[in-house]
């Protein structure tokens, strides 16, 4: 059943770079179900949060973490408490010939470069840095990307030799033959809980409310799981 009227404006959704491809699929499904256009703006969660603080006209924020939606809610910029919609997983890309023992390969490199999202602002970058530190991978030259999408682009283009990205990115854009990837167990790095928050606290927005309910519903959650994310309620302890 349609929930929109002809004069309704598009639903503007700020989405973390790691979730962009999955959000496109979900946005198309939501539009088909509710006749509401969904405009996705992909980028780093840190930039989105800053833009929202300064009045960017987003209706919904799909963050790559839980801290930024919580901070927006604490400042009175949300129309409800943040909700967890996914839990991220890392994937590590290395040359195919390093796959026999990829951690050892990473430890031995001195001239090669590895790209990770900026650990100071990007949740996936923070988790990646934790993992590399835990494995004592300090001899490689670290290249800081703005977000995981840029980290992936750097390794695909050959500008770096390895990268730590979000696992679902591999489904959205497969690796070339000379690269391969593996997924470290989620218990080896801090949980990457991704929260959604409804914005525009000063007005009622039924389309946005419906979108968040759709995102947290069973059909959308199946799409999210199939894309490579863990269920948000899954808990795991670091090893």
Protein backbone atom coordinates (compact mmCIF):
# COMPACT_ATOMS: atom_id res chain seq x y z
CA UNK A 1 0.00 0.00 0.00
CA UNK A 2 1.30 3.46 -0.88
CA UNK A 3 2.04 5.81 2.01
CA UNK A 4 2.93 8.82 -0.14
CA UNK A 5 1.12 11.64 -1.86
CA UNK A 6 2.07 13.16 -5.20
CA UNK A 7 3.35 16.29 -3.53
CA UNK A 8 5.58 14.48 -1.05
CA UNK A 9 9.26 15.41 -1.33
CA UNK A 10 11.88 12.68 -1.75
CA UNK A 11 13.17 10.98 1.37
CA UNK A 12 16.76 12.11 1.92
CA UNK A 13 18.92 9.45 3.54
CA UNK A 14 22.53 9.96 4.61
CA UNK A 15 24.22 6.57 4.38
CA UNK A 16 27.65 5.35 5.47
CA UNK A 17 29.93 4.45 2.56
CA UNK A 18 30.13 0.77 3.55
CA UNK A 19 26.35 0.41 3.37
CA UNK A 20 25.81 2.32 0.13
CA UNK A 21 25.24 -0.62 -2.22
CA UNK A 22 22.90 -2.38 0.21
CA UNK A 23 21.01 0.87 0.80
CA UNK A 24 20.47 1.23 -2.95
CA UNK A 25 18.81 -2.18 -3.05
CA UNK A 26 16.67 -1.40 -0.02
CA UNK A 27 15.80 2.06 -1.31
CA UNK A 28 14.49 0.61 -4.56
CA UNK A 29 12.43 -1.95 -2.66
CA UNK A 30 11.00 0.73 -0.39
CA UNK A 31 10.07 2.92 -3.35
CA UNK A 32 8.30 0.02 -5.03
CA UNK A 33 6.35 -0.75 -1.87
CA UNK A 34 5.45 2.78 -0.75
CA UNK A 35 5.77 5.00 -3.82
CA UNK A 36 8.27 7.23 -2.00
CA UNK A 37 11.44 8.30 -3.79
CA UNK A 38 14.57 7.64 -1.74
CA UNK A 39 17.58 9.89 -2.34
CA UNK A 40 20.75 8.37 -0.92
CA UNK A 41 23.79 10.49 -0.11
CA UNK A 42 26.79 8.24 0.53
CA UNK A 43 29.89 9.28 2.46
CA UNK A 44 31.77 8.98 5.70
CA UNK A 45 29.66 8.84 8.84
CA UNK A 46 31.78 11.56 10.41
CA UNK A 47 31.07 14.01 7.61
CA UNK A 48 27.39 13.16 7.63
CA UNK A 49 27.16 13.76 11.38
CA UNK A 50 28.88 17.13 11.04
CA UNK A 51 26.59 18.15 8.20
CA UNK A 52 23.52 17.13 10.19
CA UNK A 53 24.73 19.16 13.16
CA UNK A 54 24.91 22.21 10.90
CA UNK A 55 21.44 21.68 9.49
CA UNK A 56 21.84 19.42 6.46
CA UNK A 57 18.31 18.46 5.37
CA UNK A 58 18.49 14.71 5.86
CA UNK A 59 15.51 12.71 7.05
CA UNK A 60 17.32 9.52 8.09
CA UNK A 61 20.94 8.77 8.97
CA UNK A 62 22.34 5.26 8.43
CA UNK A 63 25.64 5.42 10.29
CA UNK A 64 28.58 3.01 10.31
CA UNK A 65 28.63 3.16 14.11
CA UNK A 66 26.44 3.76 17.12
CA UNK A 67 28.33 6.70 18.64
CA UNK A 68 27.42 9.34 16.04
CA UNK A 69 23.66 8.69 16.06
CA UNK A 70 23.78 8.67 19.88
CA UNK A 71 25.54 12.04 19.88
CA UNK A 72 22.96 13.53 17.52
CA UNK A 73 20.17 12.18 19.71
CA UNK A 74 21.80 13.66 22.83
CA UNK A 75 21.85 17.06 21.11
CA UNK A 76 18.14 16.90 20.39
CA UNK A 77 18.60 16.48 16.63
CA UNK A 78 16.72 13.20 16.29
CA UNK A 79 13.07 12.25 16.33
CA UNK A 80 13.70 9.10 18.33
CA UNK A 81 16.40 6.97 19.84
CA UNK A 82 18.92 5.30 17.51
CA UNK A 83 18.29 1.68 16.58
CA UNK A 84 20.80 -0.96 15.51
CA UNK A 85 20.21 -2.18 11.96
CA UNK A 86 23.41 -4.16 11.22
CA UNK A 87 26.76 -5.25 12.54
CA UNK A 88 29.68 -4.93 10.20
CA UNK A 89 32.45 -7.35 9.31
CA UNK A 90 35.93 -6.66 7.98
CA UNK A 91 37.58 -8.17 4.92
CA UNK A 92 41.30 -7.96 4.22
CA UNK A 93 42.54 -7.82 0.63
CA UNK A 94 46.02 -9.05 -0.30
CA UNK A 95 47.68 -10.36 -3.48
CA UNK A 96 46.59 -13.88 -4.46
CA UNK A 97 50.08 -15.27 -3.89
CA UNK A 98 49.94 -14.11 -0.24
CA UNK A 99 46.86 -16.16 0.63
CA UNK A 100 48.78 -19.21 1.91
CA UNK A 101 49.66 -17.20 5.02
CA UNK A 102 48.26 -13.66 4.65
CA UNK A 103 49.05 -12.49 8.19
CA UNK A 104 52.67 -13.56 7.83
CA UNK A 105 52.82 -11.82 4.44
CA UNK A 106 51.49 -8.61 5.99
CA UNK A 107 54.05 -8.78 8.78
CA UNK A 108 56.99 -9.23 6.39
CA UNK A 109 56.26 -6.33 4.03
CA UNK A 110 58.36 -3.16 4.29
CA UNK A 111 57.79 -1.34 0.98
CA UNK A 112 54.18 -2.33 0.32
CA UNK A 113 51.27 -0.17 1.35
CA UNK A 114 47.97 -1.03 3.02
CA UNK A 115 44.90 1.21 2.97
CA UNK A 116 42.44 1.56 5.84
CA UNK A 117 39.70 4.05 6.51
CA UNK A 118 40.69 6.89 8.82
CA UNK A 119 40.66 5.27 12.28
CA UNK A 120 40.06 8.63 13.97
CA UNK A 121 36.64 9.12 12.37
CA UNK A 122 35.67 5.89 10.58
CA UNK A 123 34.38 2.92 12.62
CA UNK A 124 35.73 0.42 10.09
CA UNK A 125 39.07 2.19 10.18
CA UNK A 126 39.17 2.00 13.96
CA UNK A 127 38.43 -1.72 13.87
CA UNK A 128 41.03 -2.20 11.12
CA UNK A 129 43.69 -0.37 13.12
CA UNK A 130 42.89 -2.48 16.18
CA UNK A 131 43.34 -5.65 14.12
CA UNK A 132 46.63 -4.56 12.53
CA UNK A 133 47.99 -3.52 15.91
CA UNK A 134 46.94 -6.84 17.42
CA UNK A 135 48.82 -8.68 14.68
CA UNK A 136 51.85 -6.35 15.03
CA UNK A 137 51.64 -5.30 11.40
CA UNK A 138 53.68 -2.15 11.68
CA UNK A 139 56.28 -2.37 8.92
CA UNK A 140 53.86 -1.80 6.04
CA UNK A 141 53.19 1.77 5.04
CA UNK A 142 49.68 2.68 6.11
CA UNK A 143 47.62 4.80 3.73
CA UNK A 144 44.68 6.57 5.33
CA UNK A 145 41.50 6.69 3.26
CA UNK A 146 38.50 8.87 4.02
CA UNK A 147 36.24 5.82 4.26
CA UNK A 148 36.13 2.13 3.34
CA UNK A 149 34.86 2.90 -0.15
CA UNK A 150 38.00 4.91 -0.84
CA UNK A 151 40.19 2.22 0.74
CA UNK A 152 38.67 -0.32 -1.64
CA UNK A 153 39.19 1.95 -4.62
CA UNK A 154 42.85 2.41 -3.70
CA UNK A 155 43.56 -1.32 -3.78
CA UNK A 156 41.49 -1.93 -6.91
CA UNK A 157 43.38 0.82 -8.73
CA UNK A 158 46.78 -0.58 -7.69
CA UNK A 159 47.74 2.48 -5.66
CA UNK A 160 48.18 0.24 -2.60
CA UNK A 161 49.04 -3.43 -2.23
CA UNK A 162 46.49 -4.39 0.41
CA UNK A 163 43.45 -2.95 2.14
CA UNK A 164 41.04 -3.53 5.01
CA UNK A 165 37.46 -2.94 3.90
CA UNK A 166 33.89 -3.87 4.78
CA UNK A 167 33.00 -7.43 3.77
CA UNK A 168 29.82 -6.47 1.83
CA UNK A 169 31.89 -4.35 -0.55
CA UNK A 170 33.16 -7.57 -2.13
CA UNK A 171 29.65 -8.48 -3.28
CA UNK A 172 28.99 -5.05 -4.68
CA UNK A 173 32.26 -4.94 -6.64
CA UNK A 174 34.23 -8.19 -7.07
CA UNK A 175 38.00 -8.36 -6.90
CA UNK A 176 40.24 -8.69 -9.98
CA UNK A 177 42.06 -12.01 -10.44
CA UNK A 178 45.35 -10.85 -8.91
CA UNK A 179 43.76 -10.02 -5.56
CA UNK A 180 42.06 -12.14 -2.95
CA UNK A 181 40.41 -11.57 0.42
CA UNK A 182 39.68 -13.28 3.68
CA UNK A 183 37.46 -12.44 6.61
CA UNK A 184 38.96 -12.41 10.10
CA UNK A 185 36.63 -13.64 12.81
CA UNK A 186 34.54 -10.76 14.24
CA UNK A 187 35.76 -11.62 17.75
CA UNK A 188 39.22 -10.34 16.78
CA UNK A 189 38.20 -6.67 16.59
CA UNK A 190 35.75 -4.33 18.33
CA UNK A 191 32.12 -4.84 17.29
CA UNK A 192 31.02 -2.53 14.48
CA UNK A 193 27.41 -1.84 15.41
CA UNK A 194 25.65 0.31 12.83
CA UNK A 195 22.71 2.42 14.02
CA UNK A 196 19.98 4.28 12.20
CA UNK A 197 18.44 7.45 13.56
CA UNK A 198 15.36 9.38 12.45
CA UNK A 199 16.10 13.08 12.06
CA UNK A 200 13.95 16.22 11.77
CA UNK A 201 12.96 16.20 15.41
CA UNK A 202 10.75 19.27 15.01
CA UNK A 203 8.29 17.73 12.58
CA UNK A 204 6.44 14.48 11.99
CA UNK A 205 7.66 12.62 8.92
CA UNK A 206 5.61 9.51 8.28
CA UNK A 207 7.62 8.49 5.22
CA UNK A 208 10.85 8.54 7.23
CA UNK A 209 9.23 6.62 10.07
CA UNK A 210 7.97 4.05 7.59
CA UNK A 211 11.43 3.74 6.07
CA UNK A 212 13.07 3.05 9.43
CA UNK A 213 10.39 0.48 10.27
CA UNK A 214 11.01 -1.14 6.87
CA UNK A 215 14.78 -1.18 7.47
CA UNK A 216 14.33 -2.99 10.78
CA UNK A 217 11.72 -5.38 9.42
CA UNK A 218 12.34 -9.02 8.48
CA UNK A 219 12.47 -8.56 4.69
CA UNK A 220 15.07 -5.77 4.79
CA UNK A 221 17.02 -7.58 7.49
CA UNK A 222 17.26 -10.63 5.23
CA UNK A 223 18.72 -8.44 2.49
CA UNK A 224 21.20 -6.97 4.98
CA UNK A 225 22.29 -10.41 6.23
CA UNK A 226 22.68 -11.68 2.66
CA UNK A 227 24.89 -8.69 1.86
CA UNK A 228 27.43 -9.82 4.46
CA UNK A 229 26.40 -8.09 7.68
CA UNK A 230 25.76 -9.76 11.01
CA UNK A 231 22.49 -9.42 12.86
CA UNK A 232 22.71 -6.40 15.19
CA UNK A 233 21.78 -8.42 18.24
CA UNK A 234 24.70 -10.87 17.79
CA UNK A 235 27.22 -10.38 20.59
CA UNK A 236 30.79 -11.57 20.62
CA UNK A 237 33.74 -11.12 22.92
CA UNK A 238 37.19 -10.19 21.70
CA UNK A 239 39.77 -12.94 21.84
